[in-house]
Amino acid sequence: MKSNYSNVAQLKDLMTVPPMTAAQHAEVMRKRIAHRRMVEEARDLKKASGSQFDKR
């Protein structure tokens, strides 16, 4: 489980840094979605292989 405090910054830093561009945001979201799909596929493969061994 991820820690809520793993990515912390000072309020002043957050308020003085310019916001993300649309392109940067899109790239972050693409990476996040790709990672989630990898995790879901791995979970599905693990479930499928586990149920395969249960049918003896």
PDB file of N, CA and C in Angstrom:
ATOM      1  N   MET A   1       0.833  -1.170   0.000  1.00  0.00           N
ATOM      2  CA  MET A   1       0.000   0.000   0.000  1.00  0.00           C
ATOM      3  C   MET A   1       0.886   1.245   0.000  1.00  0.00           C
ATOM      4  N   LYS A   2       0.509   2.241  -0.786  1.00  0.00           N
ATOM      5  CA  LYS A   2       1.303   3.452  -0.886  1.00  0.00           C
ATOM      6  C   LYS A   2       1.094   4.340   0.327  1.00  0.00           C
ATOM      7  N   SER A   3       2.144   5.015   0.703  1.00  0.00           N
ATOM      8  CA  SER A   3       2.049   5.975   1.791  1.00  0.00           C
ATOM      9  C   SER A   3       1.501   7.291   1.258  1.00  0.00           C
ATOM     10  N   ASN A   4       0.647   7.929   2.029  1.00  0.00           N
ATOM     11  CA  ASN A   4       0.106   9.213   1.619  1.00  0.00           C
ATOM     12  C   ASN A   4       1.165  10.307   1.668  1.00  0.00           C
ATOM     13  N   TYR A   5       2.248  10.075   2.386  1.00  0.00           N
ATOM     14  CA  TYR A   5       3.260  11.090   2.585  1.00  0.00           C
ATOM     15  C   TYR A   5       4.526  10.835   1.781  1.00  0.00           C
ATOM     16  N   SER A   6       4.462   9.988   0.771  1.00  0.00           N
ATOM     17  CA  SER A   6       5.661   9.668   0.007  1.00  0.00           C
ATOM     18  C   SER A   6       6.038  10.787  -0.959  1.00  0.00           C
ATOM     19  N   ASN A   7       5.090  11.663  -1.309  1.00  0.00           N
ATOM     20  CA  ASN A   7       5.363  12.729  -2.257  1.00  0.00           C
ATOM     21  C   ASN A   7       4.934  14.052  -1.631  1.00  0.00           C
ATOM     22  N   VAL A   8       5.782  14.591  -0.780  1.00  0.00           N
ATOM     23  CA  VAL A   8       5.429  15.804  -0.049  1.00  0.00           C
ATOM     24  C   VAL A   8       6.250  16.974  -0.558  1.00  0.00           C
ATOM     25  N   ALA A   9       5.662  18.158  -0.494  1.00  0.00           N
ATOM     26  CA  ALA A   9       6.352  19.387  -0.881  1.00  0.00           C
ATOM     27  C   ALA A   9       5.868  20.505   0.025  1.00  0.00           C
ATOM     28  N   GLN A  10       6.677  21.526   0.142  1.00  0.00           N
ATOM     29  CA  GLN A  10       6.291  22.680   0.938  1.00  0.00           C
ATOM     30  C   GLN A  10       5.222  23.472   0.195  1.00  0.00           C
ATOM     31  N   LEU A  11       4.319  24.095   0.926  1.00  0.00           N
ATOM     32  CA  LEU A  11       3.231  24.855   0.320  1.00  0.00           C
ATOM     33  C   LEU A  11       3.775  25.969  -0.566  1.00  0.00           C
ATOM     34  N   LYS A  12       4.828  26.647  -0.127  1.00  0.00           N
ATOM     35  CA  LYS A  12       5.416  27.729  -0.919  1.00  0.00           C
ATOM     36  C   LYS A  12       5.888  27.206  -2.279  1.00  0.00           C
ATOM     37  N   ASP A  13       6.510  26.011  -2.272  1.00  0.00           N
ATOM     38  CA  ASP A  13       6.974  25.415  -3.530  1.00  0.00           C
ATOM     39  C   ASP A  13       5.812  25.113  -4.459  1.00  0.00           C
ATOM     40  N   LEU A  14       4.737  24.602  -3.888  1.00  0.00           N
ATOM     41  CA  LEU A  14       3.571  24.265  -4.709  1.00  0.00           C
ATOM     42  C   LEU A  14       2.921  25.503  -5.304  1.00  0.00           C
ATOM     43  N   MET A  15       2.917  26.598  -4.550  1.00  0.00           N
ATOM     44  CA  MET A  15       2.230  27.802  -5.006  1.00  0.00           C
ATOM     45  C   MET A  15       3.066  28.621  -5.989  1.00  0.00           C
ATOM     46  N   THR A  16       4.383  28.435  -6.022  1.00  0.00           N
ATOM     47  CA  THR A  16       5.224  29.248  -6.901  1.00  0.00           C
ATOM     48  C   THR A  16       5.606  28.525  -8.188  1.00  0.00           C
ATOM     49  N   VAL A  17       5.407  27.232  -8.260  1.00  0.00           N
ATOM     50  CA  VAL A  17       5.740  26.471  -9.463  1.00  0.00           C
ATOM     51  C   VAL A  17       4.589  26.598 -10.454  1.00  0.00           C
ATOM     52  N   PRO A  18       4.890  26.853 -11.727  1.00  0.00           N
ATOM     53  CA  PRO A  18       3.801  26.943 -12.704  1.00  0.00           C
ATOM     54  C   PRO A  18       3.082  25.596 -12.843  1.00  0.00           C
ATOM     55  N   PRO A  19       1.795  25.622 -13.147  1.00  0.00           N
ATOM     56  CA  PRO A  19       1.047  24.369 -13.269  1.00  0.00           C
ATOM     57  C   PRO A  19       1.512  23.543 -14.473  1.00  0.00           C
ATOM     58  N   MET A  20       1.153  22.279 -14.459  1.00  0.00           N
ATOM     59  CA  MET A  20       1.498  21.378 -15.558  1.00  0.00           C
ATOM     60  C   MET A  20       0.819  21.818 -16.844  1.00  0.00           C
ATOM     61  N   THR A  21       1.500  21.613 -17.940  1.00  0.00           N
ATOM     62  CA  THR A  21       0.859  21.856 -19.227  1.00  0.00           C
ATOM     63  C   THR A  21      -0.065  20.680 -19.534  1.00  0.00           C
ATOM     64  N   ALA A  22      -0.940  20.860 -20.501  1.00  0.00           N
ATOM     65  CA  ALA A  22      -1.853  19.781 -20.891  1.00  0.00           C
ATOM     66  C   ALA A  22      -1.067  18.570 -21.396  1.00  0.00           C
ATOM     67  N   ALA A  23       0.016  18.823 -22.113  1.00  0.00           N
ATOM     68  CA  ALA A  23       0.830  17.720 -22.633  1.00  0.00           C
ATOM     69  C   ALA A  23       1.492  16.944 -21.503  1.00  0.00           C
ATOM     70  N   GLN A  24       1.997  17.664 -20.491  1.00  0.00           N
ATOM     71  CA  GLN A  24       2.616  16.981 -19.347  1.00  0.00           C
ATOM     72  C   GLN A  24       1.576  16.162 -18.598  1.00  0.00           C
ATOM     73  N   HIS A  25       0.404  16.719 -18.406  1.00  0.00           N
ATOM     74  CA  HIS A  25      -0.654  16.008 -17.702  1.00  0.00           C
ATOM     75  C   HIS A  25      -1.058  14.752 -18.471  1.00  0.00           C
ATOM     76  N   ALA A  26      -1.182  14.874 -19.784  1.00  0.00           N
ATOM     77  CA  ALA A  26      -1.552  13.721 -20.612  1.00  0.00           C
ATOM     78  C   ALA A  26      -0.510  12.615 -20.502  1.00  0.00           C
ATOM     79  N   GLU A  27       0.764  12.990 -20.489  1.00  0.00           N
ATOM     80  CA  GLU A  27       1.828  11.991 -20.375  1.00  0.00           C
ATOM     81  C   GLU A  27       1.776  11.281 -19.022  1.00  0.00           C
ATOM     82  N   VAL A  28       1.565  12.033 -17.956  1.00  0.00           N
ATOM     83  CA  VAL A  28       1.452  11.435 -16.619  1.00  0.00           C
ATOM     84  C   VAL A  28       0.273  10.470 -16.574  1.00  0.00           C
ATOM     85  N   MET A  29      -0.856  10.876 -17.131  1.00  0.00           N
ATOM     86  CA  MET A  29      -2.039  10.019 -17.120  1.00  0.00           C
ATOM     87  C   MET A  29      -1.832   8.764 -17.956  1.00  0.00           C
ATOM     88  N   ARG A  30      -1.148   8.896 -19.109  1.00  0.00           N
ATOM     89  CA  ARG A  30      -0.868   7.714 -19.940  1.00  0.00           C
ATOM     90  C   ARG A  30      -0.011   6.718 -19.182  1.00  0.00           C
ATOM     91  N   LYS A  31       1.014   7.215 -18.477  1.00  0.00           N
ATOM     92  CA  LYS A  31       1.881   6.319 -17.699  1.00  0.00           C
ATOM     93  C   LYS A  31       1.102   5.653 -16.578  1.00  0.00           C
ATOM     94  N   ARG A  32       0.245   6.413 -15.901  1.00  0.00           N
ATOM     95  CA  ARG A  32      -0.542   5.868 -14.798  1.00  0.00           C
ATOM     96  C   ARG A  32      -1.491   4.780 -15.302  1.00  0.00           C
ATOM     97  N   ILE A  33      -2.148   5.030 -16.431  1.00  0.00           N
ATOM     98  CA  ILE A  33      -3.087   4.050 -16.991  1.00  0.00           C
ATOM     99  C   ILE A  33      -2.337   2.802 -17.447  1.00  0.00           C
ATOM    100  N   ALA A  34      -1.186   2.986 -18.089  1.00  0.00           N
ATOM    101  CA  ALA A  34      -0.400   1.830 -18.548  1.00  0.00           C
ATOM    102  C   ALA A  34       0.042   0.982 -17.364  1.00  0.00           C
ATOM    103  N   HIS A  35       0.471   1.616 -16.288  1.00  0.00           N
ATOM    104  CA  HIS A  35       0.896   0.877 -15.103  1.00  0.00           C
ATOM    105  C   HIS A  35      -0.280   0.122 -14.488  1.00  0.00           C
ATOM    106  N   ARG A  36      -1.441   0.766 -14.405  1.00  0.00           N
ATOM    107  CA  ARG A  36      -2.610   0.101 -13.837  1.00  0.00           C
ATOM    108  C   ARG A  36      -3.015  -1.097 -14.679  1.00  0.00           C
ATOM    109  N   ARG A  37      -2.938  -0.970 -15.999  1.00  0.00           N
ATOM    110  CA  ARG A  37      -3.271  -2.108 -16.870  1.00  0.00           C
ATOM    111  C   ARG A  37      -2.301  -3.261 -16.681  1.00  0.00           C
ATOM    112  N   MET A  38      -1.009  -2.942 -16.532  1.00  0.00           N
ATOM    113  CA  MET A  38      -0.019  -3.991 -16.283  1.00  0.00           C
ATOM    114  C   MET A  38      -0.331  -4.741 -15.007  1.00  0.00           C
ATOM    115  N   VAL A  39      -0.662  -3.994 -13.961  1.00  0.00           N
ATOM    116  CA  VAL A  39      -0.968  -4.612 -12.671  1.00  0.00           C
ATOM    117  C   VAL A  39      -2.221  -5.477 -12.776  1.00  0.00           C
ATOM    118  N   GLU A  40      -3.246  -4.963 -13.460  1.00  0.00           N
ATOM    119  CA  GLU A  40      -4.488  -5.736 -13.606  1.00  0.00           C
ATOM    120  C   GLU A  40      -4.262  -7.002 -14.419  1.00  0.00           C
ATOM    121  N   GLU A  41      -3.476  -6.908 -15.493  1.00  0.00           N
ATOM    122  CA  GLU A  41      -3.189  -8.089 -16.306  1.00  0.00           C
ATOM    123  C   GLU A  41      -2.399  -9.121 -15.506  1.00  0.00           C
ATOM    124  N   ALA A  42      -1.434  -8.670 -14.722  1.00  0.00           N
ATOM    125  CA  ALA A  42      -0.652  -9.590 -13.892  1.00  0.00           C
ATOM    126  C   ALA A  42      -1.550 -10.272 -12.869  1.00  0.00           C
ATOM    127  N   ARG A  43      -2.474  -9.508 -12.285  1.00  0.00           N
ATOM    128  CA  ARG A  43      -3.402 -10.075 -11.301  1.00  0.00           C
ATOM    129  C   ARG A  43      -4.300 -11.122 -11.979  1.00  0.00           C
ATOM    130  N   ASP A  44      -4.783 -10.808 -13.180  1.00  0.00           N
ATOM    131  CA  ASP A  44      -5.637 -11.758 -13.895  1.00  0.00           C
ATOM    132  C   ASP A  44      -4.876 -13.026 -14.262  1.00  0.00           C
ATOM    133  N   LEU A  45      -3.620 -12.856 -14.709  1.00  0.00           N
ATOM    134  CA  LEU A  45      -2.821 -14.031 -15.050  1.00  0.00           C
ATOM    135  C   LEU A  45      -2.551 -14.888 -13.821  1.00  0.00           C
ATOM    136  N   LYS A  46      -2.297 -14.238 -12.703  1.00  0.00           N
ATOM    137  CA  LYS A  46      -2.050 -14.974 -11.467  1.00  0.00           C
ATOM    138  C   LYS A  46      -3.298 -15.738 -11.046  1.00  0.00           C
ATOM    139  N   LYS A  47      -4.455 -15.094 -11.160  1.00  0.00           N
ATOM    140  CA  LYS A  47      -5.719 -15.763 -10.822  1.00  0.00           C
ATOM    141  C   LYS A  47      -5.958 -16.952 -11.735  1.00  0.00           C
ATOM    142  N   ALA A  48      -5.724 -16.758 -13.042  1.00  0.00           N
ATOM    143  CA  ALA A  48      -5.956 -17.819 -14.012  1.00  0.00           C
ATOM    144  C   ALA A  48      -5.018 -18.996 -13.761  1.00  0.00           C
ATOM    145  N   SER A  49      -3.770 -18.732 -13.468  1.00  0.00           N
ATOM    146  CA  SER A  49      -2.833 -19.830 -13.239  1.00  0.00           C
ATOM    147  C   SER A  49      -3.129 -20.505 -11.910  1.00  0.00           C
ATOM    148  N   GLY A  50      -3.586 -19.762 -10.939  1.00  0.00           N
ATOM    149  CA  GLY A  50      -3.935 -20.347  -9.640  1.00  0.00           C
ATOM    150  C   GLY A  50      -5.145 -21.263  -9.741  1.00  0.00           C
ATOM    151  N   SER A  51      -6.135 -20.849 -10.498  1.00  0.00           N
ATOM    152  CA  SER A  51      -7.326 -21.683 -10.630  1.00  0.00           C
ATOM    153  C   SER A  51      -7.031 -22.914 -11.486  1.00  0.00           C
ATOM    154  N   GLN A  52      -6.033 -22.840 -12.350  1.00  0.00           N
ATOM    155  CA  GLN A  52      -5.651 -23.979 -13.179  1.00  0.00           C
ATOM    156  C   GLN A  52      -5.108 -25.122 -12.318  1.00  0.00           C
ATOM    157  N   PHE A  53      -4.362 -24.770 -11.260  1.00  0.00           N
ATOM    158  CA  PHE A  53      -3.776 -25.796 -10.406  1.00  0.00           C
ATOM    159  C   PHE A  53      -4.783 -26.354  -9.410  1.00  0.00           C
ATOM    160  N   ASP A  54      -5.864 -25.623  -9.159  1.00  0.00           N
ATOM    161  CA  ASP A  54      -6.874 -26.097  -8.209  1.00  0.00           C
ATOM    162  C   ASP A  54      -7.734 -27.218  -8.784  1.00  0.00           C
ATOM    163  N   LYS A  55      -7.729 -27.400 -10.096  1.00  0.00           N
ATOM    164  CA  LYS A  55      -8.616 -28.389 -10.742  1.00  0.00           C
ATOM    165  C   LYS A  55      -7.910 -29.733 -10.866  1.00  0.00           C
ATOM    166  N   ARG A  56      -7.547 -30.344  -9.793  1.00  0.00           N
ATOM    167  CA  ARG A  56      -6.882 -31.646  -9.850  1.00  0.00           C
ATOM    168  C   ARG A  56      -7.859 -32.776  -9.825  1.00  0.00           C
TER     169      ARG A  56
END
